[in-house]
Each structure stands twice: as structure tokens, then as C-alpha cells.
Amino acid sequence: MKTSFFRKILFIYIFAILFSSLLIWYSQSQLTSYIYSNFLKNQHSSIGTQINSILKLKFNLFSNSSSQLASQIKNILQAKDVIILEPPSFSIISKTNISPLKLSTNFYEQVFFKDKKIFSLKKDVTLFYNTVDINNKTLCIISIFKNNKLKNKFLTIILPYQEYMALALIIIFIIFGITLFISYKIYKNKLEQTTNEDIALIEALAYQAENKESGIEKHLERTKHYIYHLAQHLKKYTKYRKILTQEYIENLVKASIVHDIGKVAVPQNILFKKGKLTEQEFEIIKEHCLYGAKIINIAKTKFPNSLFLKLAMEIILYHHERFDGTGYPKGLKAENIPLSARIMAIVDVYDTMRSKKCYKEPLEHEQCVQYILSERGKHFDPVLVDAFYSVERTFLKISLKFAESRDSLID
């Protein structure tokens, strides 16, 4: 569950980064476009101011010197070309080079009468269109600039802004990452608290189901530790590693606690009988698997996707099945028995043999180990038996650490 949540958090974080990048890119593109538009307007205003300064030199536009005016303006503005026209015929009074742009009179009329000041033609040049009044005449002055020159000039203005945007993006990612990390830590703490509360409740129910059998609390504690260490070994060294994810193991440990919850339906005189059970009494004992499954199924219908309830159902129903098919209640064989139940079978038998019961004395650890080895391929999955043998000293330490009393276990 924690792993699943972490993956969701990671997915959300990556999505947020991509979305933020896209949003900032779009905002930056729009803002850059807006700034560039203002840049062109400022350029237009600056060009108009410079042209007026040139005209203050009082050139006689209709003398021979008029041919020099376009060149003068071009040099001062550092433009590609300059054309000076006189409305309404838009005859050319002065110009520099013969412009490669073939602009018709209709174009000038459209620009003049609609008062459009800036035009980008194709992708190579931009026209700045200014009108000036001199000697009681209105003149049109078209300054032609190469776009790459304008862009280079614009970049000197926009570059600091681009750097600030990049810095803002980095800061956003850092803040967002810190926020997600803090949220995950808060969620993890709450999840652990909830999990501990759930386990406490499950243990209380399991305790009641066992009818307060002596030492049942320690039995549940040992069971959890046996399951955990055996599953971790299986995860590292066996073919079951793909099944035994961390989420699976965590839920398996919790589910192991309720393996005998169905015993709540077994009469106490049978459950705690000191002598050998009759055939009829044993049949009643076997019913605890089916009864326990019915209890879990009530919850499973409300939470069908719960891994915990799925594993609890498997363990309760099938932990008395045998690998050779001679177990109960379904007589399942080999890997038809769920892995969770096969793991529980070894753990349950080991702890039962090691514990003191009303009908038996505890056995030594070596006796338990030898019995489980002898049942390899019969009662137990051979792969699980080999794994058990690899961690059997860990089982011994757990059994001693959580012993009910000095007399209840043989060291």
C-alpha cells in the first residue's frame, strides 16, 4: 500500500513537472510575444524620433539634396533600406537601394489610411512606417530592417527575463517537491498509525476466536515474525520473488494473524480436549476453515480489491491443505494451493509443535526441523521447506524470544 501510494505520488510529481513546464513555456511564449510587440512599438517610436531629428537639419526635400536624405536616414538608423514617399500618389521622393520588396501603391495606401505602423513581411524583414509633416507636406518614410538584426537587439532585452523565468521554474519544482515529500511523510505516519490500530484490532479478534487459549498473544506475535522472515528469504532466492512484493509481504504478515479465526465456531470442549479427538470431533474441527472464510467473505464483498482480505481468505481456507493433496477442506494439491496458505502451513505446524498445548508438550527445535524436512513434497512445498531450512535458526531465535514462559518451550 505504501509502495502503491509512493508510485502515485511520483506519477503526480512527474505530471506536475510536465504540466508546470508546459504552463511556464506557454506563459513565457505569450509574455515574450507581448514584450516583443512592445519592443517593436518602442523601436517605431525611437525611429520616428530619430527621423524628426534628421529633418531638423532642414534639408530641402525638393532640391538636389533630397536624394541624399534616404541615405542619411538609413545610415543613422542602421537600416537595410529607406524609402520616402509622398501621398496621395505615393511617388518615391528618395530611396536608398532598390528594395527587393515589390510593394504596390495599393500597399502604401492601405498602410497610410489604416495607420498601420509596423509590418513583418515574410520572415526576413520588418517595415517601420512613419509619417512626418514638413514644409506643409505629409511624407511617408518606410524603414526596412532585417529581422535577425532586430531579434539580436531584442535578445539583449529579453535575456535577463528568460533567466528569471528559468530560476522561477527551478524554485517552483523545489517547492513542489518539498511539499510532496512533506505530504508523503504525513501520509506515511498516518498510514502506519492506522495500520498499527488495524493490527491491534485484528489481534483482539483473533485472540477472542482462539477462546483465550493460554499464550495466544505470543503465538500471534511469533507467527508474524516467522511469516516475515520466511517470505523475505523466498523473495530473494526462489522462483516466487515476482509474487512476493513488499506490499504482498506486508499484507501477508497482517493476514497470518487471523488464520484460525474460524475456531470461534468450534465448541470449547472439543477445542481444548486433552485426549485424542474422535472422527466426528475432528470433522467439526475441520469446519473452522470454512467458517472463518465466511467471516472474511462478508468484508470481502464490500472491499473486493483488498489484498489483505484476499490473502486472509486464502490463509484461513487453505492453510490445512497438503502439498500431496491429502489435506482439507478442498483436497488441493501442489501449486493449486495458494502460496500464502503454503507458507502459513509450515509456520503453523512449526509453532504448534514448539508450543505447549493442553493435549501435548512442546518439542525441541531440532525435532520440529526434522519433521518439516521429512514432509518435503508431502505436507509441504519443497521450495518452502528448503527456504525454511535456510532460516531455521531465525525461527529458533523468534520462538525463544516470544516464548510464553520458561516451561512452555524447550530451548
Protein backbone atom coordinates (compact mmCIF):
# COMPACT_ATOMS: atom_id res chain seq x y z
CA MET A 1 0.00 0.00 0.00
CA LYS A 2 2.85 2.37 0.84
CA THR A 3 4.61 1.42 -2.39
CA SER A 4 1.43 1.98 -4.38
CA PHE A 5 0.98 5.41 -2.80
CA PHE A 6 4.62 6.30 -3.46
CA ARG A 7 4.17 5.42 -7.14
CA LYS A 8 1.09 7.61 -7.30
CA ILE A 9 2.98 10.47 -5.66
CA LEU A 10 5.85 10.03 -8.15
CA PHE A 11 3.42 9.98 -11.07
CA ILE A 12 1.69 13.13 -9.78
CA TYR A 13 5.06 14.83 -9.31
CA ILE A 14 6.22 13.99 -12.85
CA PHE A 15 2.87 15.09 -14.26
CA ALA A 16 3.06 18.33 -12.26
CA ILE A 17 6.58 18.99 -13.56
CA LEU A 18 5.47 18.43 -17.16
CA PHE A 19 2.31 20.48 -16.69
CA SER A 20 4.23 23.29 -14.95
CA SER A 21 6.86 23.25 -17.69
CA LEU A 22 4.18 23.44 -20.35
CA LEU A 23 2.35 26.20 -18.50
CA ILE A 24 5.51 28.22 -17.96
CA TRP A 25 6.58 27.65 -21.57
CA TYR A 26 3.19 28.86 -22.78
CA SER A 27 3.22 31.83 -20.40
CA GLN A 28 6.77 32.63 -21.40
CA SER A 29 5.86 32.38 -25.08
CA GLN A 30 2.87 34.67 -24.64
CA LEU A 31 4.80 37.12 -22.48
CA THR A 32 7.75 37.07 -24.87
CA SER A 33 5.37 37.82 -27.73
CA TYR A 34 3.86 40.67 -25.72
CA ILE A 35 7.29 42.07 -24.82
CA TYR A 36 8.43 41.76 -28.44
CA SER A 37 5.34 43.63 -29.60
CA ASN A 38 6.12 46.43 -27.15
CA PHE A 39 9.75 46.31 -28.26
CA LEU A 40 8.68 46.92 -31.87
CA LYS A 41 6.42 49.77 -30.77
CA ASN A 42 9.30 51.32 -28.87
CA GLN A 43 11.54 50.85 -31.89
CA HIS A 44 8.93 52.55 -34.03
CA SER A 45 8.75 55.47 -31.62
CA SER A 46 12.55 55.67 -31.47
CA ILE A 47 12.79 55.63 -35.27
CA GLY A 48 10.22 58.41 -35.52
CA THR A 49 12.18 60.50 -33.01
CA GLN A 50 15.43 59.99 -34.91
CA ILE A 51 13.82 60.85 -38.24
CA ASN A 52 12.44 64.07 -36.81
CA SER A 53 15.92 64.91 -35.54
CA ILE A 54 17.33 64.38 -39.02
CA LEU A 55 14.65 66.54 -40.61
CA LYS A 56 15.55 69.37 -38.27
CA LEU A 57 18.68 69.70 -40.38
CA LYS A 58 16.25 71.47 -42.77
CA PHE A 59 17.05 69.57 -45.88
CA ASN A 60 15.27 70.95 -48.89
CA LEU A 61 13.47 67.80 -49.86
CA PHE A 62 12.74 69.14 -53.32
CA SER A 63 16.28 70.19 -54.13
CA ASN A 64 19.06 68.01 -55.40
CA SER A 65 19.94 67.12 -51.80
CA SER A 66 16.66 65.21 -51.38
CA SER A 67 18.24 62.17 -52.92
CA GLN A 68 20.68 62.08 -50.02
CA LEU A 69 18.04 62.13 -47.29
CA ALA A 70 17.12 58.43 -47.51
CA SER A 71 20.80 57.51 -47.28
CA GLN A 72 21.24 59.86 -44.32
CA ILE A 73 18.31 58.24 -42.50
CA LYS A 74 19.49 54.75 -43.39
CA ASN A 75 22.98 55.36 -42.02
CA ILE A 76 21.75 56.89 -38.78
CA LEU A 77 19.11 54.20 -38.22
CA GLN A 78 21.44 51.42 -39.47
CA ALA A 79 18.54 50.15 -41.57
CA LYS A 80 18.63 47.83 -44.55
CA ASP A 81 16.77 50.26 -46.80
CA VAL A 82 14.83 53.51 -46.52
CA ILE A 83 12.10 54.73 -48.91
CA ILE A 84 10.50 58.21 -48.77
CA LEU A 85 7.14 58.66 -50.49
CA GLU A 86 4.67 61.50 -50.94
CA PRO A 87 0.94 60.75 -50.65
CA PRO A 88 -1.54 60.51 -52.20
CA SER A 89 0.21 59.25 -55.32
CA PHE A 90 2.98 57.74 -53.19
CA SER A 91 5.59 58.71 -55.66
CA ILE A 92 9.11 58.00 -54.47
CA ILE A 93 10.96 61.16 -53.49
CA SER A 94 14.07 59.46 -52.20
CA LYS A 95 15.31 55.93 -51.63
CA THR A 96 18.49 54.00 -50.96
CA ASN A 97 18.99 50.64 -52.63
CA ILE A 98 16.42 49.23 -54.94
CA SER A 99 14.42 47.21 -52.44
CA PRO A 100 13.84 43.56 -53.27
CA LEU A 101 10.32 44.07 -51.95
CA LYS A 102 7.93 44.90 -54.77
CA LEU A 103 5.34 46.92 -52.91
CA SER A 104 2.41 48.28 -54.88
CA THR A 105 0.78 51.67 -54.47
CA ASN A 106 -2.22 49.87 -53.00
CA PHE A 107 0.01 48.63 -50.20
CA TYR A 108 1.12 52.15 -49.31
CA GLU A 109 -2.45 53.40 -49.48
CA GLN A 110 -3.60 50.64 -47.16
CA VAL A 111 -0.81 51.38 -44.69
CA PHE A 112 -1.33 55.13 -44.83
CA PHE A 113 -5.09 55.25 -44.49
CA LYS A 114 -5.35 52.50 -41.86
CA ASP A 115 -2.43 53.99 -39.92
CA LYS A 116 -0.63 50.67 -39.52
CA LYS A 117 2.85 51.46 -38.38
CA ILE A 118 4.68 48.09 -38.34
CA PHE A 119 4.62 45.27 -40.87
CA SER A 120 6.51 41.98 -40.89
CA LEU A 121 6.88 40.68 -44.40
CA LYS A 122 7.68 37.01 -44.69
CA LYS A 123 10.35 36.10 -42.13
CA ASP A 124 13.29 38.18 -43.25
CA VAL A 125 12.36 41.87 -42.92
CA THR A 126 10.14 44.21 -40.89
CA LEU A 127 8.88 47.61 -42.09
CA PHE A 128 8.52 50.60 -39.78
CA TYR A 129 6.10 53.10 -41.31
CA ASN A 130 6.35 56.72 -40.13
CA THR A 131 4.54 59.82 -41.35
CA VAL A 132 6.06 63.27 -40.94
CA ASP A 133 4.92 66.78 -41.83
CA ILE A 134 7.46 69.12 -43.39
CA ASN A 135 7.03 72.25 -45.49
CA ASN A 136 3.26 71.77 -45.24
CA LYS A 137 3.54 68.36 -46.82
CA THR A 138 2.93 64.90 -45.37
CA LEU A 139 5.61 62.37 -46.19
CA CYS A 140 5.74 58.63 -45.64
CA ILE A 141 9.07 57.18 -44.56
CA ILE A 142 9.47 53.40 -44.67
CA SER A 143 12.48 51.99 -42.81
CA ILE A 144 13.30 48.38 -43.66
CA PHE A 145 15.19 46.24 -41.08
CA LYS A 146 16.45 42.68 -41.24
CA ASN A 147 14.59 40.54 -38.68
CA ASN A 148 17.73 38.80 -37.44
CA LYS A 149 19.17 42.20 -36.53
CA LEU A 150 16.01 43.12 -34.64
CA LYS A 151 15.98 39.74 -32.89
CA ASN A 152 19.57 40.14 -31.73
CA LYS A 153 18.76 43.54 -30.29
CA PHE A 154 15.63 42.14 -28.68
CA LEU A 155 17.56 39.27 -27.05
CA THR A 156 19.71 41.70 -25.11
CA ILE A 157 16.46 42.93 -23.52
CA ILE A 158 14.69 39.60 -23.05
CA LEU A 159 17.68 37.50 -21.85
CA PRO A 160 17.54 38.60 -18.18
CA TYR A 161 13.81 37.89 -18.18
CA GLN A 162 14.45 34.39 -19.59
CA GLU A 163 16.96 33.73 -16.82
CA TYR A 164 14.45 34.85 -14.19
CA MET A 165 11.82 32.54 -15.69
CA ALA A 166 14.23 29.59 -15.57
CA LEU A 167 15.06 30.42 -11.95
CA ALA A 168 11.35 30.70 -11.13
CA LEU A 169 10.78 27.28 -12.72
CA ILE A 170 13.52 25.70 -10.61
CA ILE A 171 12.12 27.30 -7.45
CA ILE A 172 8.62 26.04 -8.28
CA PHE A 173 9.93 22.48 -8.75
CA ILE A 174 11.85 22.62 -5.45
CA ILE A 175 8.86 23.96 -3.52
CA PHE A 176 6.54 21.43 -5.16
CA GLY A 177 8.96 18.59 -4.41
CA ILE A 178 9.30 19.63 -0.76
CA THR A 179 5.50 19.89 -0.46
CA LEU A 180 5.04 16.40 -1.91
CA PHE A 181 7.74 14.98 0.37
CA ILE A 182 6.13 16.52 3.47
CA SER A 183 2.70 15.28 2.33
CA TYR A 184 4.09 11.78 1.84
CA LYS A 185 5.71 11.78 5.29
CA ILE A 186 2.45 12.91 6.90
CA TYR A 187 0.52 10.27 4.96
CA LYS A 188 3.09 7.60 5.86
CA ASN A 189 2.85 8.42 9.56
CA LYS A 190 -0.94 8.33 9.47
CA LEU A 191 -0.85 5.10 7.49
CA GLU A 192 1.50 3.48 9.98
CA GLN A 193 -0.72 4.61 12.84
CA THR A 194 -3.81 3.28 11.09
CA THR A 195 -2.01 0.03 10.27
CA ASN A 196 -0.96 -0.45 13.89
CA GLU A 197 -4.53 0.21 15.01
CA ASP A 198 -5.84 -2.28 12.43
CA ILE A 199 -3.36 -4.94 13.55
CA ALA A 200 -4.30 -4.37 17.19
CA LEU A 201 -7.97 -4.85 16.31
CA ILE A 202 -7.23 -7.95 14.24
CA GLU A 203 -5.17 -9.44 17.08
CA ALA A 204 -8.01 -8.76 19.52
CA LEU A 205 -10.46 -10.60 17.24
CA ALA A 206 -8.03 -13.46 16.71
CA TYR A 207 -7.50 -13.70 20.45
CA GLN A 208 -11.24 -13.99 21.02
CA ALA A 209 -11.52 -16.54 18.22
CA GLU A 210 -8.97 -18.76 19.96
CA ASN A 211 -11.11 -18.60 23.11
CA LYS A 212 -8.28 -17.13 25.17
CA GLU A 213 -6.08 -20.15 24.80
CA SER A 214 -3.01 -19.84 27.03
CA GLY A 215 -0.22 -17.90 25.37
CA ILE A 216 -2.22 -16.99 22.27
CA GLU A 217 -0.80 -13.42 22.25
CA LYS A 218 2.75 -14.75 21.91
CA HIS A 219 1.59 -17.27 19.33
CA LEU A 220 0.27 -14.45 17.10
CA GLU A 221 3.48 -12.47 17.61
CA ARG A 222 5.67 -15.43 16.68
CA THR A 223 3.52 -16.19 13.66
CA LYS A 224 4.01 -12.68 12.26
CA HIS A 225 7.80 -12.89 12.62
CA TYR A 226 8.05 -16.40 11.15
CA ILE A 227 5.98 -15.35 8.14
CA TYR A 228 8.00 -12.19 7.58
CA HIS A 229 11.46 -13.80 7.65
CA LEU A 230 10.43 -16.81 5.58
CA ALA A 231 8.78 -14.58 2.96
CA GLN A 232 11.82 -12.27 2.78
CA HIS A 233 14.09 -15.26 2.10
CA LEU A 234 11.70 -16.59 -0.56
CA LYS A 235 11.65 -13.15 -2.18
CA LYS A 236 15.43 -13.11 -2.57
CA TYR A 237 16.26 -16.68 -3.53
CA THR A 238 13.29 -18.51 -5.06
CA LYS A 239 11.00 -18.55 -8.07
CA TYR A 240 8.30 -16.83 -6.02
CA ARG A 241 10.16 -13.49 -5.99
CA LYS A 242 7.75 -11.91 -8.51
CA ILE A 243 4.74 -12.70 -6.31
CA LEU A 244 6.37 -11.62 -3.05
CA THR A 245 6.36 -7.86 -3.47
CA GLN A 246 6.83 -5.73 -0.37
CA GLU A 247 3.12 -4.91 -0.42
CA TYR A 248 2.27 -8.62 -0.63
CA ILE A 249 4.54 -9.46 2.31
CA GLU A 250 3.16 -6.66 4.49
CA ASN A 251 -0.40 -7.84 3.92
CA LEU A 252 0.60 -11.48 4.31
CA VAL A 253 2.05 -10.75 7.77
CA LYS A 254 -1.17 -8.99 8.83
CA ALA A 255 -3.38 -11.71 7.36
CA SER A 256 -1.49 -14.50 9.14
CA ILE A 257 -2.90 -13.33 12.46
CA VAL A 258 -6.44 -14.43 11.57
CA HIS A 259 -5.56 -17.89 10.23
CA ASP A 260 -7.65 -19.62 12.90
CA ILE A 261 -10.41 -17.05 13.31
CA GLY A 262 -12.95 -19.73 12.34
CA LYS A 263 -12.28 -21.54 15.63
CA VAL A 264 -14.80 -19.19 17.19
CA ALA A 265 -17.41 -21.67 15.91
CA VAL A 266 -15.70 -24.72 17.46
CA PRO A 267 -17.08 -25.81 20.87
CA GLN A 268 -14.56 -25.34 23.71
CA ASN A 269 -14.89 -28.91 24.89
CA ILE A 270 -13.54 -30.05 21.52
CA LEU A 271 -11.01 -27.24 21.08
CA PHE A 272 -9.40 -27.89 24.47
CA LYS A 273 -9.89 -31.65 24.68
CA LYS A 274 -6.82 -33.28 26.23
CA GLY A 275 -7.32 -36.69 24.74
CA LYS A 276 -7.45 -37.86 21.15
CA LEU A 277 -10.29 -36.44 19.06
CA THR A 278 -12.93 -38.76 17.69
CA GLU A 279 -13.53 -38.85 13.96
CA GLN A 280 -16.71 -36.81 14.40
CA GLU A 281 -14.93 -34.23 16.58
CA PHE A 282 -12.15 -33.89 14.02
CA GLU A 283 -14.73 -33.20 11.30
CA ILE A 284 -16.08 -30.38 13.49
CA ILE A 285 -12.55 -29.03 13.92
CA LYS A 286 -12.05 -29.01 10.13
CA GLU A 287 -15.13 -26.80 9.74
CA HIS A 288 -13.23 -23.86 11.25
CA CYS A 289 -11.61 -23.20 7.84
CA LEU A 290 -14.96 -22.82 6.08
CA TYR A 291 -16.49 -20.81 8.90
CA GLY A 292 -13.52 -18.44 9.02
CA ALA A 293 -13.76 -17.96 5.23
CA LYS A 294 -17.43 -16.97 5.61
CA ILE A 295 -16.47 -14.31 8.14
CA ILE A 296 -13.86 -12.80 5.82
CA ASN A 297 -16.13 -13.08 2.79
CA ILE A 298 -18.59 -10.67 4.42
CA ALA A 299 -15.90 -7.99 4.42
CA LYS A 300 -14.53 -9.05 1.02
CA THR A 301 -17.87 -8.37 -0.69
CA LYS A 302 -17.56 -4.73 0.43
CA PHE A 303 -13.86 -4.45 -0.45
CA PRO A 304 -13.32 -6.87 -3.37
CA ASN A 305 -9.94 -5.38 -4.35
CA SER A 306 -8.38 -5.60 -0.87
CA LEU A 307 -5.13 -7.60 -1.00
CA PHE A 308 -5.27 -8.08 2.77
CA LEU A 309 -8.72 -9.70 2.63
CA LYS A 310 -7.69 -11.82 -0.36
CA LEU A 311 -4.67 -13.22 1.48
CA ALA A 312 -6.66 -13.62 4.71
CA MET A 313 -9.26 -15.66 2.79
CA GLU A 314 -6.55 -17.89 1.24
CA ILE A 315 -4.76 -18.48 4.54
CA ILE A 316 -7.91 -19.22 6.54
CA LEU A 317 -9.38 -21.54 3.92
CA TYR A 318 -6.31 -23.44 2.74
CA HIS A 319 -3.58 -23.49 5.44
CA HIS A 320 -4.52 -27.09 6.30
CA GLU A 321 -4.17 -28.28 2.71
CA ARG A 322 -1.22 -30.59 1.99
CA PHE A 323 1.14 -30.44 -0.99
CA ASP A 324 0.35 -34.08 -1.88
CA GLY A 325 -3.41 -33.35 -1.97
CA THR A 326 -4.40 -35.18 1.23
CA GLY A 327 -5.28 -32.07 3.26
CA TYR A 328 -8.58 -30.34 3.95
CA PRO A 329 -11.08 -28.75 3.30
CA LYS A 330 -10.76 -28.92 -0.54
CA GLY A 331 -8.02 -31.51 -1.05
CA LEU A 332 -5.99 -29.12 -3.23
CA LYS A 333 -2.63 -30.28 -4.49
CA ALA A 334 0.79 -28.68 -5.10
CA GLU A 335 0.71 -25.14 -6.54
CA ASN A 336 -3.08 -25.18 -6.76
CA ILE A 337 -2.80 -24.30 -3.09
CA PRO A 338 -2.25 -20.51 -2.84
CA LEU A 339 1.31 -19.53 -1.94
CA SER A 340 0.11 -17.64 1.15
CA ALA A 341 -1.51 -20.80 2.53
CA ARG A 342 1.56 -22.95 1.75
CA ILE A 343 3.74 -20.50 3.70
CA MET A 344 1.25 -20.45 6.57
CA ALA A 345 1.20 -24.26 6.69
CA ILE A 346 4.90 -24.51 7.58
CA VAL A 347 4.73 -21.67 10.08
CA ASP A 348 1.60 -23.02 11.79
CA VAL A 349 2.97 -26.57 12.10
CA TYR A 350 6.33 -25.37 13.43
CA ASP A 351 4.78 -23.14 16.09
CA THR A 352 2.24 -25.76 17.11
CA MET A 353 4.99 -28.35 17.58
CA ARG A 354 7.15 -25.89 19.54
CA SER A 355 4.31 -24.75 21.83
CA LYS A 356 2.83 -26.35 24.88
CA LYS A 357 -0.83 -27.28 24.41
CA CYS A 358 -3.47 -28.77 26.67
CA TYR A 359 -3.06 -32.03 24.81
CA LYS A 360 0.75 -32.08 24.27
CA GLU A 361 4.16 -30.94 25.47
CA PRO A 362 6.46 -28.73 23.34
CA LEU A 363 9.08 -30.31 21.11
CA GLU A 364 12.67 -29.31 20.69
CA HIS A 365 13.57 -27.10 17.75
CA GLU A 366 15.63 -29.83 16.06
CA GLN A 367 12.72 -32.26 16.24
CA CYS A 368 10.46 -29.70 14.55
CA VAL A 369 13.03 -29.06 11.84
CA GLN A 370 13.50 -32.76 11.14
CA TYR A 371 9.75 -33.31 10.91
CA ILE A 372 9.30 -30.46 8.40
CA LEU A 373 12.22 -31.76 6.32
CA SER A 374 10.68 -35.24 6.33
CA GLU A 375 7.41 -33.81 4.97
CA ARG A 376 9.11 -32.16 1.97
CA GLY A 377 6.90 -32.79 -1.07
CA LYS A 378 4.23 -34.47 1.11
CA HIS A 379 2.77 -32.00 3.55
CA PHE A 380 4.86 -29.01 2.43
CA ASP A 381 6.02 -27.31 -0.78
CA PRO A 382 9.65 -28.46 -1.39
CA VAL A 383 10.74 -24.91 -2.27
CA LEU A 384 9.32 -23.61 1.00
CA VAL A 385 10.93 -26.39 3.01
CA ASP A 386 14.34 -25.53 1.56
CA ALA A 387 13.74 -21.87 2.40
CA PHE A 388 12.64 -22.80 5.92
CA TYR A 389 15.82 -24.82 6.41
CA SER A 390 17.87 -21.77 5.37
CA VAL A 391 16.27 -19.62 8.08
CA GLU A 392 15.56 -22.26 10.74
CA ARG A 393 17.98 -20.64 13.21
CA THR A 394 15.98 -17.43 12.88
CA PHE A 395 12.84 -19.43 13.71
CA LEU A 396 14.57 -20.73 16.83
CA LYS A 397 15.51 -17.20 17.96
CA ILE A 398 11.94 -15.99 17.43
CA SER A 399 10.46 -18.93 19.32
CA LEU A 400 12.77 -18.27 22.29
CA LYS A 401 12.29 -14.51 22.25
CA PHE A 402 8.49 -14.73 22.29
CA ALA A 403 8.11 -17.83 24.49
CA GLU A 404 5.06 -17.81 26.78
CA SER A 405 7.15 -18.92 29.78
CA ARG A 406 10.32 -20.81 30.60
CA ASP A 407 8.33 -24.04 30.86
CA SER A 408 6.34 -23.66 27.68
CA LEU A 409 9.26 -24.13 25.26
CA ILE A 410 12.23 -26.46 25.22
CA ASP A 411 15.45 -24.50 24.44
